[in-house]
Amino acid sequence: MRTLQSPPAQPESPPQQAKPLANGLKQRHLSMIALGGVIGAGLFVGSGAGIAAAGPSIVLAYAVSGLLVMFVMRMLGEMSAANPASGSFSVHADRALGPWAGFTAGWMFWTLLVVGVAVEAIGAAHILQGWFPGTPSWLWVLGLMALFCGTNLAAVSRFGELEFWFAALKIGAIAVFLVLGALAIWGLLPGTASPGTTHLLHDGGFMPHGAGGLLAGLLASVVAYGGLETVTIAAAESEDPRRGVARAVRTTMWRIGIVYVGSMLVIVTLVPWHSKAVTEDGPYAAVLEQLGVPAGGQIMNVVVLIALLSAMNANIYGSSRMAYSLVARGQGPAALGKATGGVPRRAVLASSAFGFFAVLLSYWWPTTVFAWLLNMVGAVVLVVWGFIAASQLRLRRQLEREAPERLVVRMWGFPYLTWVTLVGVAGVLVLMTLEADTRVQLYFTGGLALALAVTGRLRQRTATAPRP
């Protein structure tokens, strides 16, 4: 049997760089990023479509997809704790599968993040425009892009501090929601009667649309989990990367269980799953209105705005660090590989600029070019998860042989659960072919992945070809 020889680790810092990235994130920053990163705008708003499709079985859909995410994060945590790097899974794929894999996974994730910045900026501007009628949407977008670009151009501690408070507000909001919901379910909230299992089991049944509805809810729930990977990118700039990422990953299970599965259970227990308010106002706002919370809709608008701003901040950060890492490994424009003051400012500017350009595309060609961009990133997170699982299969054996002391986080049931994860990711991709909208996303994402993989292979061959 041929012994696996992984390519040597490549430095994160290009030769021309005078200073590496700063270790300016404190443990409290990293802990709060890990906690708050799981709470995104997609959870507050996007989950409504999943509930409408799956009914109460959305709880099962989030639990199943959440289990898949736990496995992915455990594998990523194992590799990141052993080898902290600003490129995270891209670096691991590079080491395990070859530079072409790191190139493909890294630039796909970068595309996902910068397009996400545009989507979040547009959503935040829409909320602000509703509060201040007559103000142009583009002005809000410009202001927000300038704000978060400026934040990320400063010391990384500024990003960490801002994200700390964003995360604290999101965690506080979800905690209050869950407490109010639990009191209402138990009939302990003044002015409300316990609904029992009426909406959960007797309003069309637990699976009103059968297996098809459950599958649709599963696809919707998978998208909502995207973004958890950012904490392993941030860990590379923390005071103690190994301990920080290990602690963050170990809390993934209860965070997913409480925030996602717990929220869905509260919503479908208190509100009829087929209520128009669930999709029109958002499921969380629908529950607050049901409980008679004054100005429940506006309260949720504030929470959603905070989630959108937090995502913008985190996505500019994550995309700039991923670009910097790729360039440091010779897989991107060398001009982006310079860091000053411990911050890759050129990568921040480039990532922010592309995000703002994507916003302009949404105004100029909303149904063509911008729609293509959205479709291209529709299944990126699944491709990234596939790379993570495939990389862990190879790197785990290497670590056990060469540096077992660095395995401070271990994937459960290796290698069996790693293979289960790969099969699960493949299964979700197959399910995407069953729905027209997700099928288009799969094709576009597949095209992006293929183009990057071919480019990466050609670059790899060119780099390793003997010179005459």
Protein backbone atom coordinates (compact mmCIF):
# COMPACT_ATOMS: atom_id res chain seq x y z
CA MET A 1 0.00 0.00 0.00
CA ARG A 2 1.32 3.44 -0.90
CA THR A 3 2.07 5.64 2.08
CA LEU A 4 0.33 9.01 1.99
CA GLN A 5 2.74 11.89 1.72
CA SER A 6 1.05 15.19 2.41
CA PRO A 7 2.53 18.28 0.84
CA PRO A 8 4.53 20.32 3.32
CA ALA A 9 2.77 23.10 5.19
CA GLN A 10 3.21 26.34 3.40
CA PRO A 11 3.80 29.57 5.31
CA GLU A 12 0.90 31.88 5.93
CA SER A 13 3.07 34.92 5.38
CA PRO A 14 4.48 35.79 1.96
CA PRO A 15 8.19 36.50 1.79
CA GLN A 16 7.71 40.20 1.08
CA GLN A 17 5.52 40.74 4.14
CA ALA A 18 7.23 42.53 7.01
CA LYS A 19 4.77 41.66 9.74
CA PRO A 20 2.34 38.75 10.19
CA LEU A 21 -1.29 39.08 11.22
CA ALA A 22 -1.76 40.39 14.74
CA ASN A 23 -2.99 38.21 17.60
CA GLY A 24 -5.39 40.89 18.79
CA LEU A 25 -8.50 38.83 19.53
CA LYS A 26 -9.01 38.03 23.19
CA GLN A 27 -10.62 34.83 24.44
CA ARG A 28 -13.84 36.70 25.28
CA HIS A 29 -13.98 37.95 21.67
CA LEU A 30 -13.54 34.46 20.29
CA SER A 31 -16.05 32.93 22.70
CA MET A 32 -18.69 35.50 21.83
CA ILE A 33 -18.01 35.21 18.08
CA ALA A 34 -18.53 31.46 18.44
CA LEU A 35 -21.77 31.97 20.36
CA GLY A 36 -23.16 34.79 18.22
CA GLY A 37 -21.97 33.44 14.89
CA VAL A 38 -24.64 30.75 15.02
CA ILE A 39 -27.38 33.40 15.16
CA GLY A 40 -27.81 34.95 11.72
CA ALA A 41 -30.46 36.88 9.84
CA GLY A 42 -31.29 33.69 7.93
CA LEU A 43 -32.52 32.17 11.18
CA PHE A 44 -34.80 35.10 12.03
CA VAL A 45 -36.26 35.57 8.54
CA GLY A 46 -35.33 32.73 6.21
CA SER A 47 -36.63 30.01 8.52
CA GLY A 48 -40.18 31.10 7.68
CA ALA A 49 -39.96 29.48 4.24
CA GLY A 50 -38.73 26.25 5.80
CA ILE A 51 -41.62 26.20 8.28
CA ALA A 52 -44.14 26.80 5.49
CA ALA A 53 -42.67 23.89 3.52
CA ALA A 54 -42.18 21.35 6.32
CA GLY A 55 -44.72 22.37 8.96
CA PRO A 56 -43.84 21.21 12.50
CA SER A 57 -41.38 18.68 11.05
CA ILE A 58 -39.03 21.64 10.53
CA VAL A 59 -37.85 20.75 14.06
CA LEU A 60 -36.68 17.38 12.77
CA ALA A 61 -35.15 19.00 9.66
CA TYR A 62 -33.07 21.40 11.78
CA ALA A 63 -32.06 18.56 14.11
CA VAL A 64 -30.84 16.36 11.23
CA SER A 65 -28.97 19.14 9.44
CA GLY A 66 -27.67 20.35 12.80
CA LEU A 67 -26.18 16.92 13.46
CA LEU A 68 -24.39 17.14 10.12
CA VAL A 69 -23.05 20.58 11.04
CA MET A 70 -21.83 19.30 14.42
CA PHE A 71 -19.78 16.64 12.68
CA VAL A 72 -18.36 19.18 10.21
CA MET A 73 -17.42 21.62 12.97
CA ARG A 74 -15.87 18.85 15.05
CA MET A 75 -13.66 17.84 12.12
CA LEU A 76 -12.78 21.44 11.36
CA GLY A 77 -12.01 22.02 15.03
CA GLU A 78 -9.70 19.01 15.11
CA MET A 79 -7.67 20.32 12.18
CA SER A 80 -7.76 23.98 13.24
CA ALA A 81 -6.70 23.27 16.83
CA ALA A 82 -3.79 21.20 15.51
CA ASN A 83 -2.82 23.76 12.87
CA PRO A 84 -4.39 27.23 13.43
CA ALA A 85 -4.35 29.25 10.20
CA SER A 86 -6.18 32.29 8.88
CA GLY A 87 -7.14 30.23 5.83
CA SER A 88 -8.75 27.55 8.00
CA PHE A 89 -10.21 24.74 5.88
CA SER A 90 -8.53 26.07 2.73
CA VAL A 91 -5.13 25.50 4.35
CA HIS A 92 -6.19 22.05 5.55
CA ALA A 93 -7.42 21.09 2.07
CA ASP A 94 -4.13 22.36 0.64
CA ARG A 95 -2.14 20.13 3.00
CA ALA A 96 -4.34 17.07 2.64
CA LEU A 97 -5.46 17.06 -1.00
CA GLY A 98 -3.12 19.44 -2.77
CA PRO A 99 -2.91 23.15 -3.64
CA TRP A 100 -5.75 22.82 -6.17
CA ALA A 101 -8.15 21.86 -3.35
CA GLY A 102 -7.09 24.75 -1.12
CA PHE A 103 -7.42 27.11 -4.09
CA THR A 104 -10.94 25.83 -4.93
CA ALA A 105 -12.31 25.75 -1.38
CA GLY A 106 -10.75 29.11 -0.47
CA TRP A 107 -11.94 31.15 -3.45
CA MET A 108 -15.40 29.54 -3.34
CA PHE A 109 -15.76 30.58 0.29
CA TRP A 110 -14.44 34.05 -0.49
CA THR A 111 -17.09 34.42 -3.20
CA LEU A 112 -19.78 33.26 -0.79
CA LEU A 113 -18.76 35.83 1.82
CA VAL A 114 -18.45 38.85 -0.47
CA VAL A 115 -21.80 38.12 -2.15
CA GLY A 116 -23.21 37.68 1.35
CA VAL A 117 -21.96 41.17 2.24
CA ALA A 118 -23.99 42.57 -0.66
CA VAL A 119 -27.16 40.69 0.31
CA GLU A 120 -26.84 41.77 3.94
CA ALA A 121 -26.17 45.41 3.02
CA ILE A 122 -29.29 45.47 0.84
CA GLY A 123 -31.39 43.89 3.61
CA ALA A 124 -30.12 46.31 6.25
CA ALA A 125 -30.71 49.30 3.94
CA HIS A 126 -34.30 48.12 3.37
CA ILE A 127 -35.00 48.12 7.13
CA LEU A 128 -33.38 51.54 7.63
CA GLN A 129 -35.25 52.96 4.67
CA GLY A 130 -38.51 51.81 6.30
CA TRP A 131 -37.60 53.72 9.46
CA PHE A 132 -36.52 56.81 7.54
CA PRO A 133 -38.89 57.14 4.54
CA GLY A 134 -37.62 59.20 1.66
CA THR A 135 -33.97 58.35 2.18
CA PRO A 136 -32.30 56.59 -0.77
CA SER A 137 -31.37 52.96 -0.27
CA TRP A 138 -27.98 53.42 -1.92
CA LEU A 139 -27.00 56.00 0.71
CA TRP A 140 -27.55 53.49 3.51
CA VAL A 141 -25.62 50.82 1.62
CA LEU A 142 -22.71 53.19 1.03
CA GLY A 143 -22.65 54.25 4.67
CA LEU A 144 -22.74 50.69 5.98
CA MET A 145 -20.06 49.49 3.58
CA ALA A 146 -17.82 52.40 4.58
CA LEU A 147 -18.45 51.74 8.29
CA PHE A 148 -17.53 48.07 8.25
CA CYS A 149 -14.70 48.46 5.78
CA GLY A 150 -13.26 51.08 8.12
CA THR A 151 -13.75 48.82 11.14
CA ASN A 152 -11.87 45.99 9.45
CA LEU A 153 -9.08 48.30 8.28
CA ALA A 154 -8.35 49.12 11.92
CA ALA A 155 -6.70 46.74 14.38
CA VAL A 156 -8.33 43.31 14.57
CA SER A 157 -9.28 44.05 18.17
CA ARG A 158 -11.75 46.65 16.82
CA PHE A 159 -13.45 43.96 14.76
CA GLY A 160 -13.48 41.66 17.79
CA GLU A 161 -14.95 44.30 20.08
CA LEU A 162 -17.70 45.26 17.64
CA GLU A 163 -18.56 41.63 16.97
CA PHE A 164 -18.53 40.97 20.73
CA TRP A 165 -21.34 43.46 21.30
CA PHE A 166 -23.27 42.42 18.20
CA ALA A 167 -23.14 38.83 19.43
CA ALA A 168 -24.15 39.84 22.96
CA LEU A 169 -27.25 41.62 21.63
CA LYS A 170 -28.22 38.65 19.43
CA ILE A 171 -27.71 36.18 22.26
CA GLY A 172 -29.74 38.37 24.59
CA ALA A 173 -32.58 38.62 22.08
CA ILE A 174 -32.73 34.87 21.41
CA ALA A 175 -32.53 34.12 25.15
CA VAL A 176 -35.49 36.41 25.91
CA PHE A 177 -37.44 34.87 23.03
CA LEU A 178 -36.81 31.32 24.25
CA VAL A 179 -37.73 32.18 27.85
CA LEU A 180 -40.98 33.90 26.80
CA GLY A 181 -41.78 31.01 24.47
CA ALA A 182 -41.16 28.37 27.13
CA LEU A 183 -43.34 30.25 29.65
CA ALA A 184 -46.14 30.52 27.06
CA ILE A 185 -45.92 26.81 26.20
CA TRP A 186 -46.21 25.90 29.87
CA GLY A 187 -49.09 28.35 30.35
CA LEU A 188 -47.11 30.48 32.81
CA LEU A 189 -47.14 33.71 30.79
CA PRO A 190 -49.85 36.13 32.01
CA GLY A 191 -52.68 36.54 29.51
CA THR A 192 -51.84 33.44 27.46
CA ALA A 193 -53.08 29.88 27.57
CA SER A 194 -50.89 26.89 26.80
CA PRO A 195 -51.54 25.62 23.25
CA GLY A 196 -50.49 22.11 24.22
CA THR A 197 -49.80 20.01 21.12
CA THR A 198 -52.55 21.57 18.99
CA HIS A 199 -50.27 23.26 16.46
CA LEU A 200 -47.49 20.72 16.82
CA LEU A 201 -49.42 17.51 16.18
CA HIS A 202 -53.07 18.21 15.38
CA ASP A 203 -53.01 21.10 12.91
CA GLY A 204 -52.47 18.95 9.83
CA GLY A 205 -50.11 16.59 11.63
CA PHE A 206 -46.41 16.71 12.38
CA MET A 207 -45.55 16.25 8.68
CA PRO A 208 -48.44 17.95 6.85
CA HIS A 209 -46.66 17.83 3.48
CA GLY A 210 -45.15 14.39 3.98
CA ALA A 211 -41.57 13.45 3.21
CA GLY A 212 -41.38 16.03 0.41
CA GLY A 213 -42.06 18.85 2.84
CA LEU A 214 -39.49 17.49 5.28
CA LEU A 215 -36.86 17.38 2.53
CA ALA A 216 -37.67 20.96 1.51
CA GLY A 217 -37.28 22.03 5.13
CA LEU A 218 -33.99 20.15 5.33
CA LEU A 219 -32.60 22.08 2.36
CA ALA A 220 -33.74 25.38 3.87
CA SER A 221 -32.18 24.55 7.23
CA VAL A 222 -28.78 23.63 5.78
CA VAL A 223 -28.39 27.13 4.31
CA ALA A 224 -29.14 28.72 7.69
CA TYR A 225 -26.09 27.08 9.29
CA GLY A 226 -23.57 28.72 6.94
CA GLY A 227 -21.08 31.03 8.66
CA LEU A 228 -20.07 28.87 11.59
CA GLU A 229 -16.69 28.33 9.93
CA THR A 230 -15.62 31.94 10.57
CA VAL A 231 -14.69 31.22 14.19
CA THR A 232 -11.84 28.94 13.05
CA ILE A 233 -10.55 31.75 10.82
CA ALA A 234 -10.68 34.21 13.72
CA ALA A 235 -8.93 31.74 16.03
CA ALA A 236 -5.67 32.23 14.13
CA GLU A 237 -5.58 35.85 15.37
CA SER A 238 -6.43 35.08 18.99
CA GLU A 239 -4.11 35.02 22.00
CA ASP A 240 -4.22 31.23 22.29
CA PRO A 241 -5.45 29.77 18.97
CA ARG A 242 -5.45 26.10 19.97
CA ARG A 243 -7.32 26.58 23.22
CA GLY A 244 -9.69 29.12 21.68
CA VAL A 245 -10.82 27.00 18.75
CA ALA A 246 -11.08 23.90 20.93
CA ARG A 247 -13.38 25.66 23.36
CA ALA A 248 -15.49 27.16 20.58
CA VAL A 249 -15.99 23.85 18.79
CA ARG A 250 -16.85 21.98 21.97
CA THR A 251 -19.82 24.28 22.57
CA THR A 252 -21.24 23.77 19.07
CA MET A 253 -23.63 20.99 20.09
CA TRP A 254 -25.57 22.84 22.74
CA ARG A 255 -25.54 26.09 20.75
CA ILE A 256 -27.16 24.37 17.77
CA GLY A 257 -29.58 22.45 19.98
CA ILE A 258 -30.79 25.48 21.92
CA VAL A 259 -30.71 28.24 19.31
CA TYR A 260 -31.90 26.43 16.19
CA VAL A 261 -33.84 23.35 17.24
CA GLY A 262 -35.18 25.01 20.39
CA SER A 263 -36.36 28.07 18.46
CA MET A 264 -38.12 26.01 15.81
CA LEU A 265 -39.87 23.96 18.51
CA VAL A 266 -41.11 27.11 20.26
CA ILE A 267 -42.37 28.64 16.99
CA VAL A 268 -44.32 25.66 15.64
CA THR A 269 -45.77 24.97 19.10
CA LEU A 270 -47.10 28.51 19.60
CA VAL A 271 -48.08 29.58 16.06
CA PRO A 272 -49.95 27.67 13.31
CA TRP A 273 -47.28 26.66 10.80
CA HIS A 274 -49.49 27.74 7.88
CA SER A 275 -50.08 31.26 9.26
CA LYS A 276 -49.32 33.96 6.69
CA ALA A 277 -47.55 35.94 9.39
CA VAL A 278 -44.84 33.25 9.57
CA THR A 279 -43.67 33.98 6.03
CA GLU A 280 -44.74 37.61 5.65
CA ASP A 281 -43.59 39.01 9.00
CA GLY A 282 -41.09 36.32 9.96
CA PRO A 283 -41.63 33.46 12.42
CA TYR A 284 -40.11 35.23 15.42
CA ALA A 285 -42.19 38.36 14.89
CA ALA A 286 -45.28 36.15 14.46
CA VAL A 287 -44.67 34.56 17.87
CA LEU A 288 -44.14 37.92 19.58
CA GLU A 289 -47.37 39.23 18.07
CA GLN A 290 -49.16 36.06 19.19
CA LEU A 291 -47.91 36.62 22.74
CA GLY A 292 -49.08 40.23 22.67
CA VAL A 293 -45.63 41.75 22.98
CA PRO A 294 -46.00 45.46 22.14
CA ALA A 295 -44.38 46.42 18.83
CA GLY A 296 -43.21 42.83 18.35
CA GLY A 297 -42.63 43.38 14.63
CA GLN A 298 -40.42 46.42 15.18
CA ILE A 299 -38.49 44.67 17.93
CA MET A 300 -37.67 41.87 15.50
CA ASN A 301 -36.69 44.43 12.86
CA VAL A 302 -34.08 45.76 15.30
CA VAL A 303 -32.83 42.24 16.02
CA VAL A 304 -32.69 41.36 12.31
CA LEU A 305 -30.82 44.61 11.60
CA ILE A 306 -28.26 43.74 14.28
CA ALA A 307 -27.88 40.25 12.78
CA LEU A 308 -27.39 41.72 9.30
CA LEU A 309 -24.79 44.24 10.51
CA SER A 310 -22.98 41.52 12.43
CA ALA A 311 -22.92 39.31 9.33
CA MET A 312 -21.56 42.17 7.20
CA ASN A 313 -18.79 42.79 9.70
CA ALA A 314 -17.91 39.10 9.99
CA ASN A 315 -18.06 38.45 6.24
CA ILE A 316 -15.71 41.32 5.38
CA TYR A 317 -13.35 40.02 8.05
CA GLY A 318 -13.57 36.39 6.93
CA SER A 319 -13.24 37.13 3.22
CA SER A 320 -10.21 39.38 3.73
CA ARG A 321 -8.42 36.76 5.84
CA MET A 322 -9.22 34.01 3.37
CA ALA A 323 -7.89 36.14 0.48
CA TYR A 324 -4.77 36.98 2.46
CA SER A 325 -4.13 33.32 3.24
CA LEU A 326 -4.59 32.28 -0.40
CA VAL A 327 -2.18 34.97 -1.57
CA ALA A 328 0.33 33.94 1.11
CA ARG A 329 0.32 30.47 -0.46
CA GLY A 330 0.80 31.88 -3.96
CA GLN A 331 -2.82 31.30 -4.98
CA GLY A 332 -3.99 34.84 -5.60
CA PRO A 333 -2.93 38.36 -6.67
CA ALA A 334 0.33 39.18 -4.91
CA ALA A 335 -0.84 42.77 -4.40
CA LEU A 336 -3.29 41.57 -1.74
CA GLY A 337 -0.60 39.79 0.28
CA LYS A 338 0.71 42.73 2.28
CA ALA A 339 -0.25 43.30 5.90
CA THR A 340 0.46 46.56 7.72
CA GLY A 341 -0.02 46.90 11.43
CA GLY A 342 -1.01 43.26 11.58
CA VAL A 343 -4.02 43.85 9.27
CA PRO A 344 -4.26 42.76 5.59
CA ARG A 345 -5.68 46.12 4.55
CA ARG A 346 -5.45 45.55 0.80
CA ALA A 347 -7.42 42.32 1.14
CA VAL A 348 -10.01 44.16 3.26
CA LEU A 349 -10.37 46.87 0.61
CA ALA A 350 -10.62 44.34 -2.23
CA SER A 351 -13.25 42.23 -0.43
CA SER A 352 -15.29 45.31 0.51
CA ALA A 353 -15.04 46.69 -3.02
CA PHE A 354 -16.34 43.47 -4.54
CA GLY A 355 -19.19 43.44 -2.03
CA PHE A 356 -20.14 46.99 -2.95
CA PHE A 357 -19.86 46.16 -6.64
CA ALA A 358 -22.25 43.24 -6.08
CA VAL A 359 -24.72 45.72 -4.55
CA LEU A 360 -24.50 47.81 -7.72
CA LEU A 361 -25.17 44.67 -9.78
CA SER A 362 -28.36 44.13 -7.76
CA TYR A 363 -29.57 47.56 -8.97
CA TRP A 364 -28.33 47.30 -12.54
CA TRP A 365 -29.15 43.67 -13.37
CA PRO A 366 -31.22 42.21 -10.50
CA THR A 367 -32.67 39.33 -12.53
CA THR A 368 -29.57 38.40 -14.51
CA VAL A 369 -26.04 39.07 -13.27
CA PHE A 370 -26.92 39.43 -9.58
CA ALA A 371 -29.22 36.40 -9.76
CA TRP A 372 -26.32 34.43 -11.28
CA LEU A 373 -24.11 35.46 -8.38
CA LEU A 374 -26.70 34.33 -5.85
CA ASN A 375 -27.10 31.00 -7.64
CA MET A 376 -23.33 30.48 -7.80
CA VAL A 377 -23.03 30.64 -4.02
CA GLY A 378 -26.25 28.70 -3.31
CA ALA A 379 -24.51 25.40 -2.52
CA VAL A 380 -20.99 26.62 -1.71
CA VAL A 381 -21.26 25.75 1.97
CA LEU A 382 -21.95 22.11 1.08
CA VAL A 383 -18.89 21.95 -1.18
CA VAL A 384 -16.79 23.46 1.62
CA TRP A 385 -18.13 20.86 4.07
CA GLY A 386 -17.16 18.15 1.61
CA PHE A 387 -13.60 19.49 1.45
CA ILE A 388 -13.45 19.63 5.26
CA ALA A 389 -14.48 15.98 5.64
CA ALA A 390 -12.16 14.75 2.88
CA SER A 391 -9.24 16.72 4.39
CA GLN A 392 -9.84 15.38 7.88
CA LEU A 393 -9.82 11.80 6.62
CA ARG A 394 -6.22 12.27 5.46
CA LEU A 395 -4.83 14.66 8.06
CA ARG A 396 -6.06 12.68 11.08
CA ARG A 397 -3.86 9.69 10.21
CA GLN A 398 -0.89 11.98 9.61
CA LEU A 399 -1.36 13.72 12.97
CA GLU A 400 -1.65 10.39 14.79
CA ARG A 401 1.69 9.32 13.32
CA GLU A 402 3.65 12.55 13.52
CA ALA A 403 2.18 14.80 16.24
CA PRO A 404 -0.49 13.08 18.38
CA GLU A 405 -0.04 15.71 21.11
CA ARG A 406 -1.67 18.28 18.79
CA LEU A 407 -4.94 16.34 18.68
CA VAL A 408 -6.54 18.37 21.46
CA VAL A 409 -9.90 18.04 19.68
CA ARG A 410 -10.82 14.69 18.17
CA MET A 411 -13.57 13.83 15.74
CA TRP A 412 -15.98 11.34 17.26
CA GLY A 413 -16.11 7.82 15.82
CA PHE A 414 -13.32 8.36 13.32
CA PRO A 415 -13.33 7.39 10.48
CA TYR A 416 -16.93 6.15 10.43
CA LEU A 417 -18.67 9.42 11.27
CA THR A 418 -16.43 11.25 8.81
CA TRP A 419 -17.70 8.93 6.08
CA VAL A 420 -21.26 9.43 7.35
CA THR A 421 -20.74 13.18 6.97
CA LEU A 422 -19.46 12.82 3.42
CA VAL A 423 -22.46 10.65 2.54
CA GLY A 424 -24.76 13.19 4.21
CA VAL A 425 -23.30 16.09 2.22
CA ALA A 426 -23.61 14.08 -0.99
CA GLY A 427 -27.19 13.21 -0.06
CA VAL A 428 -28.15 16.86 0.40
CA LEU A 429 -26.59 17.70 -2.97
CA VAL A 430 -28.67 14.94 -4.58
CA LEU A 431 -31.81 16.27 -2.87
CA MET A 432 -31.09 19.67 -4.40
CA THR A 433 -31.71 18.18 -7.84
CA LEU A 434 -35.34 17.47 -6.89
CA GLU A 435 -36.42 21.12 -6.58
CA ALA A 436 -36.29 23.57 -9.49
CA ASP A 437 -34.79 26.49 -7.52
CA THR A 438 -32.15 24.45 -5.71
CA ARG A 439 -31.34 22.55 -8.91
CA VAL A 440 -30.37 25.82 -10.59
CA GLN A 441 -28.23 26.75 -7.59
CA LEU A 442 -26.53 23.36 -7.70
CA TYR A 443 -25.68 23.73 -11.39
CA PHE A 444 -24.28 27.24 -10.96
CA THR A 445 -22.28 26.28 -7.86
CA GLY A 446 -21.03 23.18 -9.66
CA GLY A 447 -19.88 25.35 -12.56
CA LEU A 448 -17.99 27.66 -10.19
CA ALA A 449 -16.39 24.69 -8.41
CA LEU A 450 -15.36 23.08 -11.69
CA ALA A 451 -13.86 26.30 -13.07
CA LEU A 452 -11.85 26.89 -9.89
CA ALA A 453 -10.75 23.25 -9.64
CA VAL A 454 -9.50 23.24 -13.24
CA THR A 455 -7.71 26.55 -12.69
CA GLY A 456 -6.20 25.24 -9.48
CA ARG A 457 -4.98 22.04 -11.15
CA LEU A 458 -3.39 23.99 -13.99
CA ARG A 459 -1.67 26.31 -11.50
CA GLN A 460 -0.46 23.32 -9.52
CA ARG A 461 0.96 21.62 -12.61
CA THR A 462 2.67 24.82 -13.70
CA ALA A 463 4.21 25.29 -10.25
CA THR A 464 5.53 21.73 -10.09
CA ALA A 465 6.63 21.40 -13.72
CA PRO A 466 10.44 21.16 -14.13
CA ARG A 467 12.02 24.22 -15.64
CA PRO A 468 14.18 23.79 -18.76
